[in-house]
C-alpha atoms as a PDB file:
ATOM      1  CA  MET A   1      -0.062  -0.222   0.099  1.00  0.00           C
ATOM      2  CA  ARG A   2       2.610   2.332   0.943  1.00  0.00           C
ATOM      3  CA  SER A   3       4.667   1.367  -2.303  1.00  0.00           C
ATOM      4  CA  SER A   4       2.208   2.202  -4.399  1.00  0.00           C
ATOM      5  CA  GLN A   5       1.044   5.430  -2.713  1.00  0.00           C
ATOM      6  CA  ARG A   6       4.532   6.278  -3.124  1.00  0.00           C
ATOM      7  CA  THR A   7       4.594   5.714  -6.596  1.00  0.00           C
ATOM      8  CA  GLU A   8       1.549   7.834  -7.022  1.00  0.00           C
ATOM      9  CA  VAL A   9       3.399  10.967  -5.211  1.00  0.00           C
ATOM     10  CA  MET A  10       6.613  10.502  -7.281  1.00  0.00           C
ATOM     11  CA  SER A  11       4.385  10.448 -10.487  1.00  0.00           C
ATOM     12  CA  LEU A  12       2.334  13.878  -8.896  1.00  0.00           C
ATOM     13  CA  ARG A  13       5.638  15.445  -8.436  1.00  0.00           C
ATOM     14  CA  THR A  14       6.833  14.466 -11.971  1.00  0.00           C
ATOM     15  CA  VAL A  15       3.958  16.564 -13.927  1.00  0.00           C
ATOM     16  CA  VAL A  16       4.502  19.415 -11.426  1.00  0.00           C
ATOM     17  CA  MET A  17       8.106  19.553 -12.300  1.00  0.00           C
ATOM     18  CA  ILE A  18       7.239  19.163 -16.422  1.00  0.00           C
ATOM     19  CA  ALA A  19       4.498  22.134 -15.935  1.00  0.00           C
ATOM     20  CA  LEU A  20       6.675  24.323 -14.095  1.00  0.00           C
ATOM     21  CA  ALA A  21       9.858  23.461 -16.333  1.00  0.00           C
ATOM     22  CA  MET A  22       7.077  24.285 -19.552  1.00  0.00           C
ATOM     23  CA  ALA A  23       5.626  27.288 -18.108  1.00  0.00           C
ATOM     24  CA  LEU A  24       9.291  29.284 -17.840  1.00  0.00           C
ATOM     25  CA  VAL A  25       9.906  28.562 -21.491  1.00  0.00           C
ATOM     26  CA  GLY A  26       6.329  29.560 -22.115  1.00  0.00           C
ATOM     27  CA  ILE A  27       7.242  32.958 -20.335  1.00  0.00           C
ATOM     28  CA  ALA A  28       9.879  33.466 -22.951  1.00  0.00           C
ATOM     29  CA  TYR A  29       8.001  32.718 -25.559  1.00  0.00           C
ATOM     30  CA  GLY A  30       5.048  34.486 -24.650  1.00  0.00           C
ATOM     31  CA  ALA A  31       7.003  37.612 -24.643  1.00  0.00           C
ATOM     32  CA  MET A  32       8.699  37.087 -27.665  1.00  0.00           C
ATOM     33  CA  SER A  33       5.066  37.065 -29.043  1.00  0.00           C
ATOM     34  CA  VAL A  34       4.475  39.980 -27.685  1.00  0.00           C
ATOM     35  CA  GLY A  35       7.689  41.550 -28.567  1.00  0.00           C
ATOM     36  CA  ALA A  36       7.230  40.399 -32.420  1.00  0.00           C
ATOM     37  CA  GLY A  37       4.339  42.810 -32.334  1.00  0.00           C
ATOM     38  CA  LEU A  38       1.551  40.267 -31.492  1.00  0.00           C
ATOM     39  CA  PRO A  39      -1.400  40.832 -29.269  1.00  0.00           C
ATOM     40  CA  VAL A  40      -1.318  39.359 -25.329  1.00  0.00           C
ATOM     41  CA  TRP A  41      -4.083  36.677 -26.457  1.00  0.00           C
ATOM     42  CA  VAL A  42      -2.307  34.843 -29.517  1.00  0.00           C
ATOM     43  CA  ALA A  43       0.638  33.123 -27.159  1.00  0.00           C
ATOM     44  CA  PRO A  44      -1.561  31.573 -24.590  1.00  0.00           C
ATOM     45  CA  LEU A  45      -4.385  30.659 -27.254  1.00  0.00           C
ATOM     46  CA  LEU A  46      -2.201  29.011 -29.396  1.00  0.00           C
ATOM     47  CA  GLY A  47      -0.796  27.556 -26.537  1.00  0.00           C
ATOM     48  CA  VAL A  48      -4.074  25.584 -25.788  1.00  0.00           C
ATOM     49  CA  VAL A  49      -5.071  24.934 -29.168  1.00  0.00           C
ATOM     50  CA  VAL A  50      -2.283  23.952 -30.662  1.00  0.00           C
ATOM     51  CA  LEU A  51       0.059  22.789 -27.679  1.00  0.00           C
ATOM     52  CA  ALA A  52       3.010  22.620 -29.654  1.00  0.00           C
ATOM     53  CA  GLY A  53       5.903  24.499 -28.654  1.00  0.00           C
ATOM     54  CA  SER A  54       8.037  24.181 -31.253  1.00  0.00           C
ATOM     55  CA  SER A  55       5.490  24.535 -33.890  1.00  0.00           C
ATOM     56  CA  GLU A  56       4.338  27.689 -32.059  1.00  0.00           C
ATOM     57  CA  MET A  57       7.217  29.638 -31.991  1.00  0.00           C
ATOM     58  CA  LEU A  58       8.168  29.136 -35.842  1.00  0.00           C
ATOM     59  CA  TYR A  59       4.739  30.441 -36.683  1.00  0.00           C
ATOM     60  CA  VAL A  60       5.445  33.360 -34.465  1.00  0.00           C
ATOM     61  CA  GLY A  61       9.022  33.533 -36.003  1.00  0.00           C
ATOM     62  CA  LEU A  62       8.240  33.174 -39.265  1.00  0.00           C
ATOM     63  CA  ALA A  63       4.715  35.080 -39.122  1.00  0.00           C
ATOM     64  CA  THR A  64       5.944  38.136 -38.239  1.00  0.00           C
ATOM     65  CA  ALA A  65       9.038  38.473 -40.130  1.00  0.00           C
ATOM     66  CA  THR A  66       6.891  37.296 -43.445  1.00  0.00           C
ATOM     67  CA  SER A  67       3.600  36.683 -43.373  1.00  0.00           C
ATOM     68  CA  PRO A  68       0.602  34.400 -41.717  1.00  0.00           C
ATOM     69  CA  TRP A  69       0.415  32.708 -44.630  1.00  0.00           C
ATOM     70  CA  VAL A  70       4.028  31.687 -45.255  1.00  0.00           C
ATOM     71  CA  ALA A  71       4.701  30.377 -41.827  1.00  0.00           C
ATOM     72  CA  LEU A  72       1.010  28.291 -41.625  1.00  0.00           C
ATOM     73  CA  PRO A  73       2.603  25.539 -43.807  1.00  0.00           C
ATOM     74  CA  ALA A  74       5.738  25.653 -42.075  1.00  0.00           C
ATOM     75  CA  ALA A  75       4.093  25.251 -38.726  1.00  0.00           C
ATOM     76  CA  LEU A  76       1.686  22.435 -40.126  1.00  0.00           C
ATOM     77  CA  LEU A  77       4.744  20.466 -41.326  1.00  0.00           C
ATOM     78  CA  VAL A  78       6.666  20.503 -38.152  1.00  0.00           C
ATOM     79  CA  ASN A  79       3.694  19.019 -36.684  1.00  0.00           C
ATOM     80  CA  VAL A  80       3.891  15.902 -39.133  1.00  0.00           C
ATOM     81  CA  ARG A  81       5.823  14.418 -36.403  1.00  0.00           C
ATOM     82  CA  HIS A  82       2.835  13.760 -34.231  1.00  0.00           C
ATOM     83  CA  VAL A  83       1.412  11.283 -37.317  1.00  0.00           C
ATOM     84  CA  PRO A  84       4.317   8.632 -35.973  1.00  0.00           C
ATOM     85  CA  TYR A  85       3.937   9.438 -32.528  1.00  0.00           C
ATOM     86  CA  GLY A  86      -0.133   8.563 -32.464  1.00  0.00           C
ATOM     87  CA  MET A  87       1.267   5.358 -34.822  1.00  0.00           C
ATOM     88  CA  ALA A  88       3.386   4.526 -31.847  1.00  0.00           C
ATOM     89  CA  LEU A  89       1.018   4.866 -29.048  1.00  0.00           C
ATOM     90  CA  ARG A  90      -2.461   3.782 -30.693  1.00  0.00           C
ATOM     91  CA  THR A  91      -2.706   1.588 -27.602  1.00  0.00           C
ATOM     92  CA  ALA A  92      -2.195   4.144 -25.037  1.00  0.00           C
ATOM     93  CA  LEU A  93      -4.595   6.501 -27.038  1.00  0.00           C
ATOM     94  CA  GLY A  94      -7.373   4.464 -25.365  1.00  0.00           C
ATOM     95  CA  HIS A  95     -11.179   4.902 -26.330  1.00  0.00           C
ATOM     96  CA  GLY A  96     -13.977   7.727 -26.568  1.00  0.00           C
ATOM     97  CA  ALA A  97     -13.344  11.301 -25.400  1.00  0.00           C
ATOM     98  CA  GLY A  98     -10.417  10.050 -23.400  1.00  0.00           C
ATOM     99  CA  ARG A  99      -8.543   9.111 -26.261  1.00  0.00           C
ATOM    100  CA  ALA A 100     -10.134  12.347 -28.120  1.00  0.00           C
ATOM    101  CA  TYR A 101      -8.216  14.219 -25.207  1.00  0.00           C
ATOM    102  CA  ARG A 102      -4.812  12.188 -25.223  1.00  0.00           C
ATOM    103  CA  ALA A 103      -4.770  12.672 -28.991  1.00  0.00           C
ATOM    104  CA  HIS A 104      -4.821  16.858 -28.138  1.00  0.00           C
ATOM    105  CA  VAL A 105      -1.965  16.377 -25.321  1.00  0.00           C
ATOM    106  CA  LEU A 106       0.094  14.560 -27.230  1.00  0.00           C
ATOM    107  CA  ASN A 107       3.411  16.623 -27.847  1.00  0.00           C
ATOM    108  CA  ASP A 108       6.917  15.832 -27.103  1.00  0.00           C
ATOM    109  CA  GLU A 109       7.107  15.474 -23.187  1.00  0.00           C
ATOM    110  CA  SER A 110       3.889  13.195 -22.914  1.00  0.00           C
ATOM    111  CA  VAL A 111       5.328  10.821 -25.806  1.00  0.00           C
ATOM    112  CA  ALA A 112       8.791  10.216 -23.914  1.00  0.00           C
ATOM    113  CA  PHE A 113       7.109   9.469 -20.686  1.00  0.00           C
ATOM    114  CA  ALA A 114       4.640   7.152 -22.459  1.00  0.00           C
ATOM    115  CA  ILE A 115       7.051   5.340 -24.598  1.00  0.00           C
ATOM    116  CA  ALA A 116       9.009   4.737 -21.447  1.00  0.00           C
ATOM    117  CA  GLU A 117       6.170   2.464 -19.937  1.00  0.00           C
ATOM    118  CA  ARG A 118       6.029  -1.106 -21.470  1.00  0.00           C
ATOM    119  CA  ASP A 119       2.660  -1.441 -20.024  1.00  0.00           C
ATOM    120  CA  PRO A 120      -0.250   0.331 -22.338  1.00  0.00           C
ATOM    121  CA  ALA A 121      -2.149   0.994 -19.241  1.00  0.00           C
ATOM    122  CA  ARG A 122       0.950   2.646 -17.403  1.00  0.00           C
ATOM    123  CA  ALA A 123       1.523   4.201 -20.738  1.00  0.00           C
ATOM    124  CA  ARG A 124      -1.897   5.596 -21.142  1.00  0.00           C
ATOM    125  CA  VAL A 125      -1.745   7.216 -17.193  1.00  0.00           C
ATOM    126  CA  ALA A 126       2.134   8.995 -18.282  1.00  0.00           C
ATOM    127  CA  LEU A 127       0.421  10.318 -21.364  1.00  0.00           C
ATOM    128  CA  THR A 128      -2.644  11.695 -19.930  1.00  0.00           C
ATOM    129  CA  ARG A 129      -0.857  13.274 -16.936  1.00  0.00           C
ATOM    130  CA  ILE A 130       2.307  14.756 -18.518  1.00  0.00           C
ATOM    131  CA  GLY A 131      -0.127  15.987 -21.240  1.00  0.00           C
ATOM    132  CA  THR A 132      -2.145  17.538 -18.516  1.00  0.00           C
ATOM    133  CA  GLY A 133       0.731  18.793 -17.138  1.00  0.00           C
ATOM    134  CA  VAL A 134       1.881  20.726 -20.378  1.00  0.00           C
ATOM    135  CA  LEU A 135      -1.732  22.043 -21.303  1.00  0.00           C
ATOM    136  CA  ILE A 136      -1.610  23.928 -17.793  1.00  0.00           C
ATOM    137  CA  GLY A 137       1.941  25.130 -17.682  1.00  0.00           C
ATOM    138  CA  TRP A 138       2.684  25.753 -21.046  1.00  0.00           C
ATOM    139  CA  PRO A 139      -0.224  28.294 -22.003  1.00  0.00           C
ATOM    140  CA  ALA A 140      -0.361  29.530 -18.433  1.00  0.00           C
ATOM    141  CA  GLY A 141       3.602  30.439 -18.970  1.00  0.00           C
ATOM    142  CA  ALA A 142       2.517  31.794 -22.397  1.00  0.00           C
ATOM    143  CA  LEU A 143       0.077  34.398 -20.392  1.00  0.00           C
ATOM    144  CA  THR A 144       2.481  35.531 -17.700  1.00  0.00           C
ATOM    145  CA  GLY A 145       5.058  35.905 -20.254  1.00  0.00           C
ATOM    146  CA  SER A 146       2.797  38.320 -23.054  1.00  0.00           C
ATOM    147  CA  LEU A 147       1.691  40.124 -19.939  1.00  0.00           C
ATOM    148  CA  LEU A 148       5.235  40.649 -18.591  1.00  0.00           C
ATOM    149  CA  GLY A 149       6.730  41.312 -22.190  1.00  0.00           C
ATOM    150  CA  ARG A 150       4.619  44.830 -22.572  1.00  0.00           C
ATOM    151  CA  GLY A 151       7.081  46.783 -20.317  1.00  0.00           C
ATOM    152  CA  ILE A 152       9.999  44.905 -21.330  1.00  0.00           C
ATOM    153  CA  ASP A 153      12.841  45.879 -24.236  1.00  0.00           C
ATOM    154  CA  GLN A 154      13.065  42.400 -25.925  1.00  0.00           C
ATOM    155  CA  HIS A 155      16.751  43.580 -27.061  1.00  0.00           C
ATOM    156  CA  THR A 156      18.227  44.484 -24.669  1.00  0.00           C
ATOM    157  CA  PHE A 157      17.451  41.381 -22.885  1.00  0.00           C
ATOM    158  CA  GLY A 158      18.131  39.682 -25.481  1.00  0.00           C
ATOM    159  CA  LEU A 159      14.513  37.947 -25.753  1.00  0.00           C
ATOM    160  CA  ASP A 160      15.038  38.686 -29.535  1.00  0.00           C
ATOM    161  CA  ALA A 161      17.350  35.648 -29.554  1.00  0.00           C
ATOM    162  CA  ILE A 162      14.590  33.120 -27.479  1.00  0.00           C
ATOM    163  CA  PHE A 163      13.654  31.859 -30.839  1.00  0.00           C
ATOM    164  CA  PRO A 164      16.820  30.584 -32.459  1.00  0.00           C
ATOM    165  CA  ALA A 165      17.951  29.583 -29.321  1.00  0.00           C
ATOM    166  CA  VAL A 166      15.002  27.534 -28.796  1.00  0.00           C
ATOM    167  CA  ILE A 167      15.406  26.083 -32.418  1.00  0.00           C
ATOM    168  CA  LEU A 168      18.800  25.161 -32.069  1.00  0.00           C
ATOM    169  CA  ALA A 169      18.072  23.553 -28.593  1.00  0.00           C
ATOM    170  CA  LEU A 170      15.414  21.186 -30.617  1.00  0.00           C
ATOM    171  CA  VAL A 171      18.065  20.350 -33.394  1.00  0.00           C
ATOM    172  CA  LEU A 172      20.849  19.786 -31.136  1.00  0.00           C
ATOM    173  CA  PRO A 173      19.857  16.113 -29.772  1.00  0.00           C
ATOM    174  CA  ALA A 174      19.011  15.045 -33.281  1.00  0.00           C
ATOM    175  CA  VAL A 175      22.453  14.935 -34.739  1.00  0.00           C
ATOM    176  CA  LYS A 176      23.423  12.542 -31.919  1.00  0.00           C
ATOM    177  CA  ARG A 177      20.923  10.159 -33.463  1.00  0.00           C
ATOM    178  CA  ALA A 178      22.231   8.249 -36.778  1.00  0.00           C
ATOM    179  CA  ARG A 179      19.073   8.006 -38.860  1.00  0.00           C
ATOM    180  CA  LEU A 180      17.687  11.915 -38.232  1.00  0.00           C
ATOM    181  CA  ARG A 181      21.714  12.800 -38.735  1.00  0.00           C
ATOM    182  CA  PRO A 182      21.440  13.310 -42.804  1.00  0.00           C
ATOM    183  CA  ALA A 183      18.323  15.231 -42.320  1.00  0.00           C
ATOM    184  CA  VAL A 184      19.573  17.628 -40.024  1.00  0.00           C
ATOM    185  CA  VAL A 185      23.109  18.604 -42.058  1.00  0.00           C
ATOM    186  CA  ALA A 186      20.554  18.650 -45.583  1.00  0.00           C
ATOM    187  CA  ALA A 187      18.482  21.367 -43.507  1.00  0.00           C
ATOM    188  CA  ALA A 188      21.710  23.352 -42.230  1.00  0.00           C
ATOM    189  CA  VAL A 189      23.162  23.256 -46.141  1.00  0.00           C
ATOM    190  CA  VAL A 190      19.424  24.327 -47.278  1.00  0.00           C
ATOM    191  CA  SER A 191      18.590  26.938 -44.659  1.00  0.00           C
ATOM    192  CA  VAL A 192      21.988  28.898 -43.950  1.00  0.00           C
ATOM    193  CA  PRO A 193      22.366  29.796 -47.701  1.00  0.00           C
ATOM    194  CA  ALA A 194      18.726  30.927 -47.544  1.00  0.00           C
ATOM    195  CA  ALA A 195      19.042  33.108 -44.215  1.00  0.00           C
ATOM    196  CA  LEU A 196      21.774  34.767 -46.146  1.00  0.00           C
ATOM    197  CA  LEU A 197      20.165  35.348 -49.512  1.00  0.00           C
ATOM    198  CA  LEU A 198      16.708  35.274 -49.228  1.00  0.00           C
ATOM    199  CA  PRO A 199      14.363  37.849 -47.091  1.00  0.00           C
ATOM    200  CA  GLN A 200      14.314  37.595 -43.443  1.00  0.00           C
ATOM    201  CA  GLY A 201      12.573  34.582 -42.237  1.00  0.00           C
ATOM    202  CA  LEU A 202      12.499  32.283 -45.039  1.00  0.00           C
ATOM    203  CA  GLY A 203      15.832  30.584 -43.698  1.00  0.00           C
ATOM    204  CA  PRO A 204      13.865  28.228 -41.275  1.00  0.00           C
ATOM    205  CA  LEU A 205      10.921  27.454 -44.194  1.00  0.00           C
ATOM    206  CA  ALA A 206      14.099  26.469 -46.695  1.00  0.00           C
ATOM    207  CA  GLY A 207      15.434  24.059 -44.067  1.00  0.00           C
ATOM    208  CA  VAL A 208      11.778  22.255 -43.763  1.00  0.00           C
ATOM    209  CA  LEU A 209      12.696  21.130 -47.454  1.00  0.00           C
ATOM    210  CA  ALA A 210      14.554  18.357 -45.368  1.00  0.00           C
ATOM    211  CA  LEU A 211      11.670  17.062 -43.573  1.00  0.00           C
ATOM    212  CA  PRO A 212      10.705  14.372 -46.117  1.00  0.00           C
ATOM    213  CA  LEU A 213      14.316  12.821 -45.638  1.00  0.00           C
ATOM    214  CA  ALA A 214      14.100  12.565 -41.857  1.00  0.00           C
ATOM    215  CA  LEU A 215      10.472  10.617 -42.265  1.00  0.00           C
ATOM    216  CA  TRP A 216      12.199   8.275 -44.616  1.00  0.00           C
ATOM    217  CA  ARG A 217      15.163   7.734 -42.405  1.00  0.00           C
ATOM    218  CA  SER A 218      12.647   7.466 -39.293  1.00  0.00           C
ATOM    219  CA  ARG A 219      11.096   4.881 -40.872  1.00  0.00           C
ATOM    220  CA  GLU A 220      12.379   1.923 -39.063  1.00  0.00           C
ATOM    221  CA  VAL A 221      10.773   3.470 -35.698  1.00  0.00           C
ATOM    222  CA  PHE A 222       7.523   3.325 -37.198  1.00  0.00           C
ATOM    223  CA  GLU A 223       8.270  -0.375 -38.288  1.00  0.00           C
ATOM    224  CA  SER A 224       9.876  -1.382 -35.049  1.00  0.00           C
ATOM    225  CA  ALA A 225       6.894   0.138 -33.199  1.00  0.00           C
ATOM    226  CA  GLU A 226       4.589  -1.986 -35.252  1.00  0.00           C
ATOM    227  CA  ALA A 227       6.322  -5.184 -34.571  1.00  0.00           C
ATOM    228  CA  HIS A 228       6.790  -4.292 -31.040  1.00  0.00           C
ATOM    229  CA  THR A 229       2.588  -3.813 -30.572  1.00  0.00           C
ATOM    230  CA  ALA A 230       2.188  -6.881 -32.722  1.00  0.00           C
ATOM    231  CA  THR A 231       4.280  -8.891 -30.563  1.00  0.00           C
ATOM    232  CA  SER A 232       2.775  -7.902 -26.845  1.00  0.00           C
ATOM    233  CA  ASP A 233      -0.344  -8.437 -28.321  1.00  0.00           C
ATOM    234  CA  ASP A 234       0.220 -11.998 -29.619  1.00  0.00           C
ATOM    235  CA  PRO A 235      -1.035 -14.528 -26.830  1.00  0.00           C
ATOM    236  CA  GLY A 236       1.692 -17.410 -27.733  1.00  0.00           C
ATOM    237  CA  THR A 237       4.154 -14.413 -27.664  1.00  0.00           C
ATOM    238  CA  ARG A 238       3.005 -13.522 -24.372  1.00  0.00           C
ATOM    239  CA  GLY A 239       2.896 -16.945 -23.555  1.00  0.00           C
ATOM    240  CA  ARG A 240       6.653 -17.695 -24.411  1.00  0.00           C
ATOM    241  CA  ARG A 241       7.896 -15.103 -22.504  1.00  0.00           C
ATOM    242  CA  THR A 242       6.457 -15.900 -19.405  1.00  0.00           C
ATOM    243  CA  GLU A 243       7.987 -19.697 -19.962  1.00  0.00           C
ATOM    244  CA  GLU A 244      11.139 -17.674 -20.533  1.00  0.00           C
ATOM    245  CA  ASN A 245      10.981 -16.003 -17.237  1.00  0.00           C
ATOM    246  CA  ASP A 246      10.110 -19.220 -15.220  1.00  0.00           C
ATOM    247  CA  GLU A 247      13.232 -20.788 -16.290  1.00  0.00           C
END
């Protein structure tokens, strides 16, 4: 009994820490969006409806530098990664209204915690709780940053560097993964000259052209996820695993 209560407390503590971390990043995002000339309500609204930090920040950065219609397809392409997320966690999404809610709170953080759980029920709990923490922390931070950003000089405090810094932080872990490294290199080869030669804001958009390469290189991830799910659902396989564990 004490062990289960302790696990419950630790799980809720993790949710709170994730929510606080997302709120801190959301403050910078809200301040950046207001500093770019957007209304106070835009960042928190996108935080609730879109709930995808990198996509939102890309949209805000490109929309203010170019136009909302140019930024929209780029932001949507960045969110294509949610398709394999849903494929890998389809058993954890559940059914009914809960499935729709968990599909909405599907993001990098909730997916990372859910994939770490092999049991579908525990993965569903992790997905729901971490996703809810992000849903609370990210828009709350964005609203706070938007309100504070009205009285802050963005250039003095270096908030104009938040967008490229966050994008760089998102890209660096991908360099360590062999299957994503070609896509990262291709994006750099395309976007760096584009940033120098094309109008402001079009450099990151040009880098999105490397996305098909990333999806193609990641096909083995989808296949392994499908194989893992099929193996887990096979009663014969579960029986063989039990026998192996008994031995």
